[in-house]
Amino acid sequence: MEKVEDNWRDFLDQIKLTNPTTYNGLKETKLACMDNTILLFKFVSKLSLLEFEEYKIDFLKIIREKLNNYYIDIETIIEENTSSTFKAITKLDVSKELVTKHPLFQKLIEDFDLDIY
């Protein structure tokens, strides 16, 4: 299992160089070995699972070669109960937060007729 995790971290490091957004989505993924042939990937969201699908074949090819086990396969699940506190923040959310903290920001929006809502 340790070799699998090491190879997964190396694979993520390569993704980080080419696609940091995907890396951020995949770095929270948890791994488990069900037996000598099944690797279970637990994702925190459907989006991270979809991002993984793009790289799944490449990782499978690498891990099979590194472990010299061509029977390895990957199963994926989405964890229902995660303690992840990640939330997508929109420009609208940021604007409302700024207006709440700095009331003069609303005046700037009105004075310059900005359409940020």
PDB file of N, CA and C in Angstrom:
ATOM      1  N   MET A   1       0.827  -1.205   0.000  1.00  0.00           N
ATOM      2  CA  MET A   1       0.000   0.000   0.000  1.00  0.00           C
ATOM      3  C   MET A   1       0.864   1.259   0.000  1.00  0.00           C
ATOM      4  N   GLU A   2       1.983   1.185   0.685  1.00  0.00           N
ATOM      5  CA  GLU A   2       2.868   2.344   0.757  1.00  0.00           C
ATOM      6  C   GLU A   2       3.392   2.723  -0.631  1.00  0.00           C
ATOM      7  N   LYS A   3       3.719   1.724  -1.443  1.00  0.00           N
ATOM      8  CA  LYS A   3       4.194   2.001  -2.803  1.00  0.00           C
ATOM      9  C   LYS A   3       3.109   2.658  -3.640  1.00  0.00           C
ATOM     10  N   VAL A   4       1.890   2.215  -3.444  1.00  0.00           N
ATOM     11  CA  VAL A   4       0.761   2.800  -4.180  1.00  0.00           C
ATOM     12  C   VAL A   4       0.607   4.267  -3.796  1.00  0.00           C
ATOM     13  N   GLU A   5       0.642   4.555  -2.496  1.00  0.00           N
ATOM     14  CA  GLU A   5       0.493   5.936  -2.037  1.00  0.00           C
ATOM     15  C   GLU A   5       1.638   6.813  -2.523  1.00  0.00           C
ATOM     16  N   ASP A   6       2.857   6.278  -2.511  1.00  0.00           N
ATOM     17  CA  ASP A   6       4.004   7.038  -3.009  1.00  0.00           C
ATOM     18  C   ASP A   6       3.836   7.363  -4.489  1.00  0.00           C
ATOM     19  N   ASN A   7       3.414   6.377  -5.253  1.00  0.00           N
ATOM     20  CA  ASN A   7       3.210   6.602  -6.689  1.00  0.00           C
ATOM     21  C   ASN A   7       2.057   7.564  -6.938  1.00  0.00           C
ATOM     22  N   TRP A   8       1.025   7.512  -6.114  1.00  0.00           N
ATOM     23  CA  TRP A   8      -0.092   8.443  -6.245  1.00  0.00           C
ATOM     24  C   TRP A   8       0.380   9.872  -5.975  1.00  0.00           C
ATOM     25  N   ARG A   9       1.180  10.051  -4.922  1.00  0.00           N
ATOM     26  CA  ARG A   9       1.706  11.390  -4.617  1.00  0.00           C
ATOM     27  C   ARG A   9       2.595  11.899  -5.764  1.00  0.00           C
ATOM     28  N   ASP A  10       3.424  11.021  -6.319  1.00  0.00           N
ATOM     29  CA  ASP A  10       4.275  11.418  -7.451  1.00  0.00           C
ATOM     30  C   ASP A  10       3.420  11.816  -8.657  1.00  0.00           C
ATOM     31  N   PHE A  11       2.373  11.038  -8.888  1.00  0.00           N
ATOM     32  CA  PHE A  11       1.472  11.322  -9.993  1.00  0.00           C
ATOM     33  C   PHE A  11       0.781  12.670  -9.782  1.00  0.00           C
ATOM     34  N   LEU A  12       0.340  12.935  -8.560  1.00  0.00           N
ATOM     35  CA  LEU A  12      -0.285  14.222  -8.246  1.00  0.00           C
ATOM     36  C   LEU A  12       0.691  15.376  -8.435  1.00  0.00           C
ATOM     37  N   ASP A  13       1.948  15.155  -8.075  1.00  0.00           N
ATOM     38  CA  ASP A  13       2.958  16.203  -8.261  1.00  0.00           C
ATOM     39  C   ASP A  13       3.106  16.563  -9.735  1.00  0.00           C
ATOM     40  N   GLN A  14       3.029  15.569 -10.603  1.00  0.00           N
ATOM     41  CA  GLN A  14       3.112  15.844 -12.045  1.00  0.00           C
ATOM     42  C   GLN A  14       1.873  16.602 -12.517  1.00  0.00           C
ATOM     43  N   ILE A  15       0.717  16.231 -11.994  1.00  0.00           N
ATOM     44  CA  ILE A  15      -0.516  16.942 -12.360  1.00  0.00           C
ATOM     45  C   ILE A  15      -0.443  18.389 -11.875  1.00  0.00           C
ATOM     46  N   LYS A  16       0.130  18.581 -10.698  1.00  0.00           N
ATOM     47  CA  LYS A  16       0.237  19.926 -10.121  1.00  0.00           C
ATOM     48  C   LYS A  16       1.004  20.868 -11.052  1.00  0.00           C
ATOM     49  N   LEU A  17       2.006  20.337 -11.735  1.00  0.00           N
ATOM     50  CA  LEU A  17       2.805  21.158 -12.641  1.00  0.00           C
ATOM     51  C   LEU A  17       2.029  21.563 -13.892  1.00  0.00           C
ATOM     52  N   THR A  18       1.183  20.676 -14.386  1.00  0.00           N
ATOM     53  CA  THR A  18       0.489  20.946 -15.638  1.00  0.00           C
ATOM     54  C   THR A  18      -0.926  21.488 -15.449  1.00  0.00           C
ATOM     55  N   ASN A  19      -1.569  21.099 -14.316  1.00  0.00           N
ATOM     56  CA  ASN A  19      -2.955  21.509 -14.105  1.00  0.00           C
ATOM     57  C   ASN A  19      -3.228  21.668 -12.605  1.00  0.00           C
ATOM     58  N   PRO A  20      -2.858  22.814 -12.043  1.00  0.00           N
ATOM     59  CA  PRO A  20      -3.016  23.030 -10.600  1.00  0.00           C
ATOM     60  C   PRO A  20      -4.464  22.928 -10.116  1.00  0.00           C
ATOM     61  N   THR A  21      -5.414  23.289 -10.950  1.00  0.00           N
ATOM     62  CA  THR A  21      -6.817  23.216 -10.555  1.00  0.00           C
ATOM     63  C   THR A  21      -7.235  21.769 -10.320  1.00  0.00           C
ATOM     64  N   THR A  22      -6.861  20.900 -11.216  1.00  0.00           N
ATOM     65  CA  THR A  22      -7.171  19.481 -11.060  1.00  0.00           C
ATOM     66  C   THR A  22      -6.454  18.916  -9.845  1.00  0.00           C
ATOM     67  N   TYR A  23      -5.217  19.331  -9.647  1.00  0.00           N
ATOM     68  CA  TYR A  23      -4.453  18.878  -8.477  1.00  0.00           C
ATOM     69  C   TYR A  23      -5.209  19.213  -7.192  1.00  0.00           C
ATOM     70  N   ASN A  24      -5.727  20.430  -7.102  1.00  0.00           N
ATOM     71  CA  ASN A  24      -6.455  20.835  -5.897  1.00  0.00           C
ATOM     72  C   ASN A  24      -7.690  19.970  -5.668  1.00  0.00           C
ATOM     73  N   GLY A  25      -8.318  19.549  -6.740  1.00  0.00           N
ATOM     74  CA  GLY A  25      -9.484  18.695  -6.605  1.00  0.00           C
ATOM     75  C   GLY A  25      -9.149  17.268  -6.209  1.00  0.00           C
ATOM     76  N   LEU A  26      -7.966  16.802  -6.616  1.00  0.00           N
ATOM     77  CA  LEU A  26      -7.602  15.402  -6.376  1.00  0.00           C
ATOM     78  C   LEU A  26      -6.773  15.170  -5.111  1.00  0.00           C
ATOM     79  N   LYS A  27      -6.187  16.214  -4.568  1.00  0.00           N
ATOM     80  CA  LYS A  27      -5.280  16.012  -3.436  1.00  0.00           C
ATOM     81  C   LYS A  27      -5.978  15.500  -2.174  1.00  0.00           C
ATOM     82  N   GLU A  28      -7.293  15.661  -2.077  1.00  0.00           N
ATOM     83  CA  GLU A  28      -8.042  15.185  -0.909  1.00  0.00           C
ATOM     84  C   GLU A  28      -8.485  13.728  -1.042  1.00  0.00           C
ATOM     85  N   THR A  29      -8.160  13.113  -2.154  1.00  0.00           N
ATOM     86  CA  THR A  29      -8.565  11.736  -2.415  1.00  0.00           C
ATOM     87  C   THR A  29      -7.886  10.776  -1.452  1.00  0.00           C
ATOM     88  N   LYS A  30      -8.659   9.812  -0.953  1.00  0.00           N
ATOM     89  CA  LYS A  30      -8.117   8.796  -0.057  1.00  0.00           C
ATOM     90  C   LYS A  30      -8.022   7.478  -0.809  1.00  0.00           C
ATOM     91  N   LEU A  31      -6.989   6.716  -0.491  1.00  0.00           N
ATOM     92  CA  LEU A  31      -6.758   5.429  -1.145  1.00  0.00           C
ATOM     93  C   LEU A  31      -6.915   4.292  -0.158  1.00  0.00           C
ATOM     94  N   ALA A  32      -7.375   3.167  -0.672  1.00  0.00           N
ATOM     95  CA  ALA A  32      -7.424   1.939   0.127  1.00  0.00           C
ATOM     96  C   ALA A  32      -7.202   0.774  -0.820  1.00  0.00           C
ATOM     97  N   CYS A  33      -6.555  -0.263  -0.311  1.00  0.00           N
ATOM     98  CA  CYS A  33      -6.367  -1.496  -1.082  1.00  0.00           C
ATOM     99  C   CYS A  33      -7.402  -2.502  -0.610  1.00  0.00           C
ATOM    100  N   MET A  34      -8.243  -2.945  -1.525  1.00  0.00           N
ATOM    101  CA  MET A  34      -9.253  -3.927  -1.157  1.00  0.00           C
ATOM    102  C   MET A  34      -8.628  -5.318  -1.118  1.00  0.00           C
ATOM    103  N   ASP A  35      -7.729  -5.582  -2.039  1.00  0.00           N
ATOM    104  CA  ASP A  35      -6.913  -6.799  -2.057  1.00  0.00           C
ATOM    105  C   ASP A  35      -5.729  -6.509  -2.970  1.00  0.00           C
ATOM    106  N   ASN A  36      -5.059  -7.507  -3.447  1.00  0.00           N
ATOM    107  CA  ASN A  36      -3.876  -7.267  -4.284  1.00  0.00           C
ATOM    108  C   ASN A  36      -4.207  -6.776  -5.685  1.00  0.00           C
ATOM    109  N   THR A  37      -5.474  -6.771  -6.027  1.00  0.00           N
ATOM    110  CA  THR A  37      -5.827  -6.369  -7.387  1.00  0.00           C
ATOM    111  C   THR A  37      -6.759  -5.166  -7.473  1.00  0.00           C
ATOM    112  N   ILE A  38      -7.351  -4.735  -6.375  1.00  0.00           N
ATOM    113  CA  ILE A  38      -8.313  -3.627  -6.416  1.00  0.00           C
ATOM    114  C   ILE A  38      -7.827  -2.460  -5.560  1.00  0.00           C
ATOM    115  N   LEU A  39      -7.717  -1.299  -6.190  1.00  0.00           N
ATOM    116  CA  LEU A  39      -7.416  -0.060  -5.476  1.00  0.00           C
ATOM    117  C   LEU A  39      -8.707   0.738  -5.389  1.00  0.00           C
ATOM    118  N   LEU A  40      -9.051   1.148  -4.200  1.00  0.00           N
ATOM    119  CA  LEU A  40     -10.272   1.922  -3.992  1.00  0.00           C
ATOM    120  C   LEU A  40      -9.908   3.383  -3.771  1.00  0.00           C
ATOM    121  N   PHE A  41     -10.442   4.236  -4.629  1.00  0.00           N
ATOM    122  CA  PHE A  41     -10.239   5.669  -4.512  1.00  0.00           C
ATOM    123  C   PHE A  41     -11.512   6.280  -3.960  1.00  0.00           C
ATOM    124  N   LYS A  42     -11.388   7.016  -2.859  1.00  0.00           N
ATOM    125  CA  LYS A  42     -12.537   7.673  -2.228  1.00  0.00           C
ATOM    126  C   LYS A  42     -12.429   9.176  -2.479  1.00  0.00           C
ATOM    127  N   PHE A  43     -13.428   9.705  -3.172  1.00  0.00           N
ATOM    128  CA  PHE A  43     -13.410  11.115  -3.557  1.00  0.00           C
ATOM    129  C   PHE A  43     -14.360  11.915  -2.675  1.00  0.00           C
ATOM    130  N   VAL A  44     -14.038  13.195  -2.514  1.00  0.00           N
ATOM    131  CA  VAL A  44     -14.849  14.066  -1.672  1.00  0.00           C
ATOM    132  C   VAL A  44     -16.009  14.687  -2.439  1.00  0.00           C
ATOM    133  N   SER A  45     -15.959  14.621  -3.764  1.00  0.00           N
ATOM    134  CA  SER A  45     -17.046  15.197  -4.561  1.00  0.00           C
ATOM    135  C   SER A  45     -17.123  14.510  -5.918  1.00  0.00           C
ATOM    136  N   LYS A  46     -18.251  14.708  -6.554  1.00  0.00           N
ATOM    137  CA  LYS A  46     -18.429  14.145  -7.894  1.00  0.00           C
ATOM    138  C   LYS A  46     -17.482  14.829  -8.881  1.00  0.00           C
ATOM    139  N   LEU A  47     -17.233  16.109  -8.669  1.00  0.00           N
ATOM    140  CA  LEU A  47     -16.326  16.839  -9.539  1.00  0.00           C
ATOM    141  C   LEU A  47     -14.922  16.256  -9.491  1.00  0.00           C
ATOM    142  N   SER A  48     -14.418  15.956  -8.292  1.00  0.00           N
ATOM    143  CA  SER A  48     -13.077  15.377  -8.207  1.00  0.00           C
ATOM    144  C   SER A  48     -13.041  13.992  -8.853  1.00  0.00           C
ATOM    145  N   LEU A  49     -14.130  13.239  -8.745  1.00  0.00           N
ATOM    146  CA  LEU A  49     -14.213  11.941  -9.416  1.00  0.00           C
ATOM    147  C   LEU A  49     -14.142  12.124 -10.924  1.00  0.00           C
ATOM    148  N   LEU A  50     -14.867  13.093 -11.450  1.00  0.00           N
ATOM    149  CA  LEU A  50     -14.839  13.351 -12.891  1.00  0.00           C
ATOM    150  C   LEU A  50     -13.450  13.794 -13.353  1.00  0.00           C
ATOM    151  N   GLU A  51     -12.775  14.596 -12.537  1.00  0.00           N
ATOM    152  CA  GLU A  51     -11.413  15.007 -12.875  1.00  0.00           C
ATOM    153  C   GLU A  51     -10.479  13.803 -12.888  1.00  0.00           C
ATOM    154  N   PHE A  52     -10.673  12.884 -11.937  1.00  0.00           N
ATOM    155  CA  PHE A  52      -9.841  11.690 -11.878  1.00  0.00           C
ATOM    156  C   PHE A  52     -10.036  10.817 -13.118  1.00  0.00           C
ATOM    157  N   GLU A  53     -11.257  10.727 -13.598  1.00  0.00           N
ATOM    158  CA  GLU A  53     -11.546   9.889 -14.761  1.00  0.00           C
ATOM    159  C   GLU A  53     -10.674  10.282 -15.951  1.00  0.00           C
ATOM    160  N   GLU A  54     -10.329  11.554 -16.020  1.00  0.00           N
ATOM    161  CA  GLU A  54      -9.475  12.038 -17.101  1.00  0.00           C
ATOM    162  C   GLU A  54      -8.055  11.446 -17.018  1.00  0.00           C
ATOM    163  N   TYR A  55      -7.599  11.128 -15.808  1.00  0.00           N
ATOM    164  CA  TYR A  55      -6.238  10.655 -15.590  1.00  0.00           C
ATOM    165  C   TYR A  55      -6.168   9.180 -15.184  1.00  0.00           C
ATOM    166  N   LYS A  56      -7.288   8.561 -15.037  1.00  0.00           N
ATOM    167  CA  LYS A  56      -7.359   7.195 -14.495  1.00  0.00           C
ATOM    168  C   LYS A  56      -6.510   6.201 -15.294  1.00  0.00           C
ATOM    169  N   ILE A  57      -6.652   6.199 -16.600  1.00  0.00           N
ATOM    170  CA  ILE A  57      -5.924   5.255 -17.448  1.00  0.00           C
ATOM    171  C   ILE A  57      -4.414   5.453 -17.308  1.00  0.00           C
ATOM    172  N   ASP A  58      -3.989   6.722 -17.287  1.00  0.00           N
ATOM    173  CA  ASP A  58      -2.557   7.004 -17.148  1.00  0.00           C
ATOM    174  C   ASP A  58      -2.020   6.486 -15.819  1.00  0.00           C
ATOM    175  N   PHE A  59      -2.759   6.757 -14.735  1.00  0.00           N
ATOM    176  CA  PHE A  59      -2.295   6.289 -13.424  1.00  0.00           C
ATOM    177  C   PHE A  59      -2.304   4.771 -13.364  1.00  0.00           C
ATOM    178  N   LEU A  60      -3.314   4.149 -13.910  1.00  0.00           N
ATOM    179  CA  LEU A  60      -3.401   2.693 -13.899  1.00  0.00           C
ATOM    180  C   LEU A  60      -2.224   2.073 -14.636  1.00  0.00           C
ATOM    181  N   LYS A  61      -1.866   2.644 -15.761  1.00  0.00           N
ATOM    182  CA  LYS A  61      -0.723   2.152 -16.529  1.00  0.00           C
ATOM    183  C   LYS A  61       0.567   2.261 -15.701  1.00  0.00           C
ATOM    184  N   ILE A  62       0.748   3.399 -15.045  1.00  0.00           N
ATOM    185  CA  ILE A  62       1.958   3.623 -14.237  1.00  0.00           C
ATOM    186  C   ILE A  62       2.015   2.655 -13.064  1.00  0.00           C
ATOM    187  N   ILE A  63       0.919   2.536 -12.338  1.00  0.00           N
ATOM    188  CA  ILE A  63       0.937   1.706 -11.126  1.00  0.00           C
ATOM    189  C   ILE A  63       1.102   0.229 -11.467  1.00  0.00           C
ATOM    190  N   ARG A  64       0.532  -0.202 -12.573  1.00  0.00           N
ATOM    191  CA  ARG A  64       0.714  -1.591 -12.996  1.00  0.00           C
ATOM    192  C   ARG A  64       2.176  -1.877 -13.307  1.00  0.00           C
ATOM    193  N   GLU A  65       2.819  -0.953 -13.998  1.00  0.00           N
ATOM    194  CA  GLU A  65       4.226  -1.140 -14.335  1.00  0.00           C
ATOM    195  C   GLU A  65       5.121  -1.084 -13.095  1.00  0.00           C
ATOM    196  N   LYS A  66       4.885  -0.106 -12.241  1.00  0.00           N
ATOM    197  CA  LYS A  66       5.736   0.064 -11.049  1.00  0.00           C
ATOM    198  C   LYS A  66       5.627  -1.124 -10.095  1.00  0.00           C
ATOM    199  N   LEU A  67       4.417  -1.672  -9.940  1.00  0.00           N
ATOM    200  CA  LEU A  67       4.216  -2.798  -9.026  1.00  0.00           C
ATOM    201  C   LEU A  67       4.352  -4.146  -9.731  1.00  0.00           C
ATOM    202  N   ASN A  68       4.524  -4.091 -11.045  1.00  0.00           N
ATOM    203  CA  ASN A  68       4.634  -5.311 -11.844  1.00  0.00           C
ATOM    204  C   ASN A  68       3.441  -6.234 -11.588  1.00  0.00           C
ATOM    205  N   ASN A  69       2.274  -5.631 -11.550  1.00  0.00           N
ATOM    206  CA  ASN A  69       1.037  -6.373 -11.325  1.00  0.00           C
ATOM    207  C   ASN A  69       0.004  -5.838 -12.320  1.00  0.00           C
ATOM    208  N   TYR A  70      -0.207  -6.576 -13.383  1.00  0.00           N
ATOM    209  CA  TYR A  70      -1.084  -6.117 -14.450  1.00  0.00           C
ATOM    210  C   TYR A  70      -2.542  -6.515 -14.232  1.00  0.00           C
ATOM    211  N   TYR A  71      -2.839  -7.063 -13.063  1.00  0.00           N
ATOM    212  CA  TYR A  71      -4.207  -7.408 -12.702  1.00  0.00           C
ATOM    213  C   TYR A  71      -4.872  -6.303 -11.880  1.00  0.00           C
ATOM    214  N   ILE A  72      -4.096  -5.306 -11.509  1.00  0.00           N
ATOM    215  CA  ILE A  72      -4.630  -4.208 -10.685  1.00  0.00           C
ATOM    216  C   ILE A  72      -5.715  -3.458 -11.452  1.00  0.00           C
ATOM    217  N   ASP A  73      -6.777  -3.144 -10.733  1.00  0.00           N
ATOM    218  CA  ASP A  73      -7.850  -2.328 -11.294  1.00  0.00           C
ATOM    219  C   ASP A  73      -8.250  -1.282 -10.254  1.00  0.00           C
ATOM    220  N   ILE A  74      -8.996  -0.301 -10.683  1.00  0.00           N
ATOM    221  CA  ILE A  74      -9.377   0.799  -9.804  1.00  0.00           C
ATOM    222  C   ILE A  74     -10.890   0.848  -9.665  1.00  0.00           C
ATOM    223  N   GLU A  75     -11.350   0.988  -8.427  1.00  0.00           N
ATOM    224  CA  GLU A  75     -12.752   1.252  -8.142  1.00  0.00           C
ATOM    225  C   GLU A  75     -12.833   2.616  -7.482  1.00  0.00           C
ATOM    226  N   THR A  76     -13.928   3.315  -7.731  1.00  0.00           N
ATOM    227  CA  THR A  76     -14.077   4.664  -7.190  1.00  0.00           C
ATOM    228  C   THR A  76     -15.416   4.806  -6.476  1.00  0.00           C
ATOM    229  N   ILE A  77     -15.395   5.608  -5.420  1.00  0.00           N
ATOM    230  CA  ILE A  77     -16.631   5.966  -4.718  1.00  0.00           C
ATOM    231  C   ILE A  77     -16.541   7.431  -4.301  1.00  0.00           C
ATOM    232  N   ILE A  78     -17.695   7.996  -4.029  1.00  0.00           N
ATOM    233  CA  ILE A  78     -17.755   9.355  -3.481  1.00  0.00           C
ATOM    234  C   ILE A  78     -18.170   9.215  -2.026  1.00  0.00           C
ATOM    235  N   GLU A  79     -17.345   9.746  -1.126  1.00  0.00           N
ATOM    236  CA  GLU A  79     -17.665   9.686   0.300  1.00  0.00           C
ATOM    237  C   GLU A  79     -18.831  10.621   0.583  1.00  0.00           C
ATOM    238  N   GLU A  80     -19.844  10.098   1.217  1.00  0.00           N
ATOM    239  CA  GLU A  80     -21.028  10.901   1.534  1.00  0.00           C
ATOM    240  C   GLU A  80     -20.761  11.888   2.655  1.00  0.00           C
ATOM    241  N   ASN A  81     -20.155  11.433   3.719  1.00  0.00           N
ATOM    242  CA  ASN A  81     -19.914  12.276   4.890  1.00  0.00           C
ATOM    243  C   ASN A  81     -18.457  12.685   4.929  1.00  0.00           C
ATOM    244  N   THR A  82     -18.173  13.855   4.436  1.00  0.00           N
ATOM    245  CA  THR A  82     -16.805  14.346   4.486  1.00  0.00           C
ATOM    246  C   THR A  82     -16.747  15.533   5.424  1.00  0.00           C
ATOM    247  N   SER A  83     -15.602  15.723   5.987  1.00  0.00           N
ATOM    248  CA  SER A  83     -15.416  16.868   6.867  1.00  0.00           C
ATOM    249  C   SER A  83     -14.811  18.035   6.102  1.00  0.00           C
ATOM    250  N   SER A  84     -14.795  17.926   4.803  1.00  0.00           N
ATOM    251  CA  SER A  84     -14.230  18.965   3.964  1.00  0.00           C
ATOM    252  C   SER A  84     -15.056  20.248   4.102  1.00  0.00           C
ATOM    253  N   THR A  85     -14.359  21.363   4.215  1.00  0.00           N
ATOM    254  CA  THR A  85     -15.039  22.640   4.370  1.00  0.00           C
ATOM    255  C   THR A  85     -14.904  23.496   3.121  1.00  0.00           C
ATOM    256  N   PHE A  86     -14.574  22.871   2.003  1.00  0.00           N
ATOM    257  CA  PHE A  86     -14.424  23.607   0.763  1.00  0.00           C
ATOM    258  C   PHE A  86     -15.789  24.016   0.228  1.00  0.00           C
ATOM    259  N   LYS A  87     -15.861  25.238  -0.252  1.00  0.00           N
ATOM    260  CA  LYS A  87     -17.097  25.730  -0.837  1.00  0.00           C
ATOM    261  C   LYS A  87     -16.725  26.627  -2.002  1.00  0.00           C
ATOM    262  N   ALA A  88     -17.397  26.442  -3.101  1.00  0.00           N
ATOM    263  CA  ALA A  88     -17.157  27.310  -4.246  1.00  0.00           C
ATOM    264  C   ALA A  88     -17.694  28.704  -3.925  1.00  0.00           C
ATOM    265  N   ILE A  89     -16.883  29.715  -4.173  1.00  0.00           N
ATOM    266  CA  ILE A  89     -17.269  31.091  -3.887  1.00  0.00           C
ATOM    267  C   ILE A  89     -17.380  31.836  -5.210  1.00  0.00           C
ATOM    268  N   THR A  90     -18.517  32.447  -5.418  1.00  0.00           N
ATOM    269  CA  THR A  90     -18.748  33.197  -6.648  1.00  0.00           C
ATOM    270  C   THR A  90     -18.368  34.665  -6.458  1.00  0.00           C
ATOM    271  N   LYS A  91     -18.318  35.387  -7.558  1.00  0.00           N
ATOM    272  CA  LYS A  91     -18.053  36.829  -7.482  1.00  0.00           C
ATOM    273  C   LYS A  91     -19.149  37.537  -6.709  1.00  0.00           C
ATOM    274  N   LEU A  92     -20.359  37.039  -6.850  1.00  0.00           N
ATOM    275  CA  LEU A  92     -21.484  37.618  -6.115  1.00  0.00           C
ATOM    276  C   LEU A  92     -21.281  37.467  -4.613  1.00  0.00           C
ATOM    277  N   ASP A  93     -20.841  36.280  -4.176  1.00  0.00           N
ATOM    278  CA  ASP A  93     -20.579  36.055  -2.750  1.00  0.00           C
ATOM    279  C   ASP A  93     -19.499  36.996  -2.228  1.00  0.00           C
ATOM    280  N   VAL A  94     -18.446  37.166  -3.017  1.00  0.00           N
ATOM    281  CA  VAL A  94     -17.347  38.051  -2.616  1.00  0.00           C
ATOM    282  C   VAL A  94     -17.839  39.491  -2.519  1.00  0.00           C
ATOM    283  N   SER A  95     -18.627  39.910  -3.495  1.00  0.00           N
ATOM    284  CA  SER A  95     -19.152  41.282  -3.489  1.00  0.00           C
ATOM    285  C   SER A  95     -20.033  41.534  -2.279  1.00  0.00           C
ATOM    286  N   LYS A  96     -20.930  40.610  -1.986  1.00  0.00           N
ATOM    287  CA  LYS A  96     -21.805  40.773  -0.822  1.00  0.00           C
ATOM    288  C   LYS A  96     -21.000  40.824   0.467  1.00  0.00           C
ATOM    289  N   GLU A  97     -19.981  40.006   0.556  1.00  0.00           N
ATOM    290  CA  GLU A  97     -19.121  39.999   1.745  1.00  0.00           C
ATOM    291  C   GLU A  97     -18.396  41.343   1.891  1.00  0.00           C
ATOM    292  N   LEU A  98     -17.909  41.877   0.767  1.00  0.00           N
ATOM    293  CA  LEU A  98     -17.231  43.175   0.811  1.00  0.00           C
ATOM    294  C   LEU A  98     -18.178  44.291   1.244  1.00  0.00           C
ATOM    295  N   VAL A  99     -19.393  44.277   0.739  1.00  0.00           N
ATOM    296  CA  VAL A  99     -20.379  45.304   1.109  1.00  0.00           C
ATOM    297  C   VAL A  99     -20.700  45.193   2.595  1.00  0.00           C
ATOM    298  N   THR A 100     -20.788  43.982   3.097  1.00  0.00           N
ATOM    299  CA  THR A 100     -21.076  43.785   4.521  1.00  0.00           C
ATOM    300  C   THR A 100     -19.955  44.345   5.390  1.00  0.00           C
ATOM    301  N   LYS A 101     -18.723  44.089   4.985  1.00  0.00           N
ATOM    302  CA  LYS A 101     -17.570  44.545   5.780  1.00  0.00           C
ATOM    303  C   LYS A 101     -17.239  46.013   5.542  1.00  0.00           C
ATOM    304  N   HIS A 102     -17.451  46.471   4.316  1.00  0.00           N
ATOM    305  CA  HIS A 102     -17.083  47.834   3.938  1.00  0.00           C
ATOM    306  C   HIS A 102     -18.261  48.495   3.214  1.00  0.00           C
ATOM    307  N   PRO A 103     -19.121  49.181   3.927  1.00  0.00           N
ATOM    308  CA  PRO A 103     -20.314  49.798   3.313  1.00  0.00           C
ATOM    309  C   PRO A 103     -19.992  50.771   2.172  1.00  0.00           C
ATOM    310  N   LEU A 104     -18.820  51.369   2.194  1.00  0.00           N
ATOM    311  CA  LEU A 104     -18.465  52.294   1.106  1.00  0.00           C
ATOM    312  C   LEU A 104     -18.303  51.560  -0.225  1.00  0.00           C
ATOM    313  N   PHE A 105     -18.070  50.285  -0.180  1.00  0.00           N
ATOM    314  CA  PHE A 105     -17.961  49.494  -1.405  1.00  0.00           C
ATOM    315  C   PHE A 105     -19.270  49.559  -2.201  1.00  0.00           C
ATOM    316  N   GLN A 106     -20.398  49.567  -1.507  1.00  0.00           N
ATOM    317  CA  GLN A 106     -21.712  49.676  -2.172  1.00  0.00           C
ATOM    318  C   GLN A 106     -21.818  51.010  -2.902  1.00  0.00           C
ATOM    319  N   LYS A 107     -21.311  52.075  -2.273  1.00  0.00           N
ATOM    320  CA  LYS A 107     -21.347  53.394  -2.905  1.00  0.00           C
ATOM    321  C   LYS A 107     -20.510  53.397  -4.188  1.00  0.00           C
ATOM    322  N   LEU A 108     -19.345  52.747  -4.159  1.00  0.00           N
ATOM    323  CA  LEU A 108     -18.515  52.657  -5.366  1.00  0.00           C
ATOM    324  C   LEU A 108     -19.244  51.905  -6.480  1.00  0.00           C
ATOM    325  N   ILE A 109     -19.916  50.839  -6.114  1.00  0.00           N
ATOM    326  CA  ILE A 109     -20.668  50.054  -7.098  1.00  0.00           C
ATOM    327  C   ILE A 109     -21.736  50.936  -7.758  1.00  0.00           C
ATOM    328  N   GLU A 110     -22.435  51.708  -6.936  1.00  0.00           N
ATOM    329  CA  GLU A 110     -23.493  52.570  -7.466  1.00  0.00           C
ATOM    330  C   GLU A 110     -22.923  53.742  -8.266  1.00  0.00           C
ATOM    331  N   ASP A 111     -21.859  54.378  -7.753  1.00  0.00           N
ATOM    332  CA  ASP A 111     -21.274  55.532  -8.430  1.00  0.00           C
ATOM    333  C   ASP A 111     -20.715  55.179  -9.806  1.00  0.00           C
ATOM    334  N   PHE A 112     -20.109  54.018  -9.915  1.00  0.00           N
ATOM    335  CA  PHE A 112     -19.502  53.606 -11.177  1.00  0.00           C
ATOM    336  C   PHE A 112     -20.416  52.703 -12.004  1.00  0.00           C
ATOM    337  N   ASP A 113     -21.630  52.549 -11.521  1.00  0.00           N
ATOM    338  CA  ASP A 113     -22.654  51.746 -12.209  1.00  0.00           C
ATOM    339  C   ASP A 113     -22.095  50.368 -12.587  1.00  0.00           C
ATOM    340  N   LEU A 114     -21.506  49.703 -11.605  1.00  0.00           N
ATOM    341  CA  LEU A 114     -20.933  48.379 -11.828  1.00  0.00           C
ATOM    342  C   LEU A 114     -22.020  47.306 -11.738  1.00  0.00           C
ATOM    343  N   ASP A 115     -21.954  46.368 -12.631  1.00  0.00           N
ATOM    344  CA  ASP A 115     -22.934  45.281 -12.665  1.00  0.00           C
ATOM    345  C   ASP A 115     -22.263  44.011 -12.129  1.00  0.00           C
ATOM    346  N   ILE A 116     -22.150  43.940 -10.803  1.00  0.00           N
ATOM    347  CA  ILE A 116     -21.485  42.774 -10.209  1.00  0.00           C
ATOM    348  C   ILE A 116     -22.452  41.878  -9.460  1.00  0.00           C
ATOM    349  N   TYR A 117     -23.703  42.250  -9.428  1.00  0.00           N
ATOM    350  CA  TYR A 117     -24.679  41.403  -8.733  1.00  0.00           C
ATOM    351  C   TYR A 117     -25.389  40.573  -9.738  1.00  0.00           C
TER     352      TYR A 117
END
